C-alpha atoms as a PDB file:
ATOM      1  CA  MET A   1      -5.905  16.768 -18.131  1.00  0.00           C
ATOM      2  CA  VAL A   2      -5.661  13.186 -17.636  1.00  0.00           C
ATOM      3  CA  LEU A   3      -2.270  13.351 -16.705  1.00  0.00           C
ATOM      4  CA  GLY A   4      -2.652  16.173 -14.056  1.00  0.00           C
ATOM      5  CA  ILE A   5      -5.320  14.049 -12.571  1.00  0.00           C
ATOM      6  CA  THR A   6      -3.025  11.208 -12.566  1.00  0.00           C
ATOM      7  CA  LEU A   7      -0.142  12.963 -11.128  1.00  0.00           C
ATOM      8  CA  GLY A   8      -2.455  14.935  -8.656  1.00  0.00           C
ATOM      9  CA  GLY A   9      -3.392  11.722  -6.988  1.00  0.00           C
ATOM     10  CA  PHE A  10      -0.123  10.138  -7.353  1.00  0.00           C
ATOM     11  CA  TYR A  11       1.486  12.898  -5.172  1.00  0.00           C
ATOM     12  CA  ASP A  12      -1.309  13.375  -2.643  1.00  0.00           C
ATOM     13  CA  VAL A  13      -0.859  10.170  -0.697  1.00  0.00           C
ATOM     14  CA  GLU A  14       1.752   9.180   1.827  1.00  0.00           C
ATOM     15  CA  PRO A  15       5.290   7.868   0.563  1.00  0.00           C
ATOM     16  CA  TYR A  16       4.888   4.254   1.413  1.00  0.00           C
ATOM     17  CA  VAL A  17       1.425   4.212  -0.795  1.00  0.00           C
ATOM     18  CA  ARG A  18       3.479   5.915  -3.483  1.00  0.00           C
ATOM     19  CA  ALA A  19       6.075   3.034  -3.626  1.00  0.00           C
ATOM     20  CA  ASP A  20       3.290   0.699  -3.690  1.00  0.00           C
ATOM     21  CA  ARG A  21       1.752   2.363  -6.707  1.00  0.00           C
ATOM     22  CA  LEU A  22       4.996   2.765  -8.362  1.00  0.00           C
ATOM     23  CA  ALA A  23       5.826  -1.012  -7.677  1.00  0.00           C
ATOM     24  CA  TYR A  24       2.521  -1.952  -9.189  1.00  0.00           C
ATOM     25  CA  TRP A  25       3.303  -0.452 -12.593  1.00  0.00           C
ATOM     26  CA  VAL A  26       6.649  -1.886 -12.194  1.00  0.00           C
ATOM     27  CA  LEU A  27       5.282  -5.278 -12.221  1.00  0.00           C
ATOM     28  CA  ILE A  28       2.584  -4.667 -15.039  1.00  0.00           C
ATOM     29  CA  THR A  29       5.488  -3.276 -17.083  1.00  0.00           C
ATOM     30  CA  CYS A  30       7.883  -6.312 -16.451  1.00  0.00           C
ATOM     31  CA  ASN A  31       5.248  -9.000 -16.543  1.00  0.00           C
ATOM     32  CA  LEU A  32       2.726  -7.733 -19.416  1.00  0.00           C
ATOM     33  CA  ALA A  33       3.847  -4.826 -21.276  1.00  0.00           C
ATOM     34  CA  ILE A  34       7.543  -5.809 -22.013  1.00  0.00           C
ATOM     35  CA  PRO A  35       6.978  -9.592 -22.850  1.00  0.00           C
ATOM     36  CA  LEU A  36       3.677  -9.192 -24.775  1.00  0.00           C
ATOM     37  CA  THR A  37       5.274  -6.373 -27.042  1.00  0.00           C
ATOM     38  CA  THR A  38       8.665  -7.961 -27.834  1.00  0.00           C
ATOM     39  CA  LEU A  39       7.649 -11.559 -27.950  1.00  0.00           C
ATOM     40  CA  TRP A  40       5.628 -10.830 -31.102  1.00  0.00           C
ATOM     41  CA  SER A  41       8.836 -10.762 -33.229  1.00  0.00           C
ATOM     42  CA  ARG A  42       9.813 -14.643 -34.301  1.00  0.00           C
ATOM     43  CA  LYS A  43      13.512 -13.181 -34.511  1.00  0.00           C
ATOM     44  CA  LEU A  44      13.673 -11.966 -30.850  1.00  0.00           C
ATOM     45  CA  ARG A  45      11.857 -15.022 -29.697  1.00  0.00           C
ATOM     46  CA  THR A  46      14.295 -17.263 -31.232  1.00  0.00           C
ATOM     47  CA  ASN A  47      17.406 -15.193 -29.896  1.00  0.00           C
ATOM     48  CA  ILE A  48      18.858 -16.887 -26.775  1.00  0.00           C
ATOM     49  CA  ALA A  49      20.550 -13.713 -25.480  1.00  0.00           C
ATOM     50  CA  PHE A  50      17.386 -11.662 -25.960  1.00  0.00           C
ATOM     51  CA  MET A  51      15.091 -14.478 -24.016  1.00  0.00           C
ATOM     52  CA  PHE A  52      17.626 -14.625 -21.356  1.00  0.00           C
ATOM     53  CA  ILE A  53      17.206 -10.824 -20.508  1.00  0.00           C
ATOM     54  CA  ILE A  54      13.670 -11.137 -20.932  1.00  0.00           C
ATOM     55  CA  SER A  55      13.338 -13.943 -18.409  1.00  0.00           C
ATOM     56  CA  ILE A  56      15.364 -11.528 -16.127  1.00  0.00           C
ATOM     57  CA  VAL A  57      12.752  -8.704 -16.606  1.00  0.00           C
ATOM     58  CA  VAL A  58       9.567 -11.313 -15.800  1.00  0.00           C
ATOM     59  CA  ASN A  59      11.818 -12.448 -12.792  1.00  0.00           C
ATOM     60  CA  THR A  60      12.067  -8.940 -11.347  1.00  0.00           C
ATOM     61  CA  GLY A  61       8.239  -8.197 -12.400  1.00  0.00           C
ATOM     62  CA  MET A  62       7.428 -11.349 -10.165  1.00  0.00           C
ATOM     63  CA  TRP A  63       9.563 -10.038  -7.467  1.00  0.00           C
ATOM     64  CA  PHE A  64       7.677  -6.913  -7.694  1.00  0.00           C
ATOM     65  CA  GLU A  65       4.267  -8.472  -7.469  1.00  0.00           C
ATOM     66  CA  ARG A  66       5.288 -10.585  -4.306  1.00  0.00           C
ATOM     67  CA  PHE A  67       6.248  -7.314  -2.934  1.00  0.00           C
ATOM     68  CA  VAL A  68       2.895  -5.650  -3.764  1.00  0.00           C
ATOM     69  CA  ILE A  69       0.947  -8.647  -2.321  1.00  0.00           C
ATOM     70  CA  VAL A  70       2.408  -8.208   0.927  1.00  0.00           C
ATOM     71  CA  VAL A  71       2.744  -4.316   1.498  1.00  0.00           C
ATOM     72  CA  THR A  72      -0.746  -4.181   0.648  1.00  0.00           C
ATOM     73  CA  SER A  73      -1.973  -7.001   2.898  1.00  0.00           C
ATOM     74  CA  LEU A  74       0.043  -5.408   5.827  1.00  0.00           C
ATOM     75  CA  TYR A  75      -0.904  -2.020   5.104  1.00  0.00           C
ATOM     76  CA  ARG A  76      -4.643  -2.260   6.082  1.00  0.00           C
ATOM     77  CA  ASP A  77      -5.679  -4.619   9.313  1.00  0.00           C
ATOM     78  CA  PHE A  78      -8.140  -6.976   8.345  1.00  0.00           C
ATOM     79  CA  LEU A  79     -10.404  -6.529  11.173  1.00  0.00           C
ATOM     80  CA  PRO A  80     -13.467  -4.549  10.316  1.00  0.00           C
ATOM     81  CA  SER A  81     -13.387  -2.473  13.639  1.00  0.00           C
ATOM     82  CA  SER A  82      -9.770  -1.007  13.057  1.00  0.00           C
ATOM     83  CA  TRP A  83     -10.852   0.452   9.671  1.00  0.00           C
ATOM     84  CA  GLY A  84     -12.291   3.579  11.289  1.00  0.00           C
ATOM     85  CA  LEU A  85     -13.787   5.632  14.313  1.00  0.00           C
ATOM     86  CA  ILE A  86     -16.969   4.057  15.426  1.00  0.00           C
ATOM     87  CA  ALA A  87     -19.343   7.149  17.013  1.00  0.00           C
ATOM     88  CA  ARG A  88     -21.827   6.223  19.301  1.00  0.00           C
ATOM     89  CA  ARG A  89     -25.279   7.414  18.838  1.00  0.00           C
ATOM     90  CA  SER A  90     -27.347   9.083  21.770  1.00  0.00           C
ATOM     91  CA  GLY A  91     -31.005   8.100  22.408  1.00  0.00           C
ATOM     92  CA  ILE A  92     -30.524   4.489  21.172  1.00  0.00           C
ATOM     93  CA  THR A  93     -30.711   1.836  23.952  1.00  0.00           C
END
């Protein structure tokens, strides 16, 4: 049921919002999940080649973080008047 709700919400939005959501999960994976789970091992922490690969993964995650910040800030205008339609009420002076 949770998977259905998650996928239902994922496929109902517009394509650029889907790309933004995908970029968010890529940055969480690259900046949090992969380094946190792999750097617990002392053997992997001391391997230079593995640390180089992890640094490339984290660098990719940082790029996606910048992408998410820019896309979400440009997606919605900062003026509250442009967030929706303002309906005038009749009878109020």
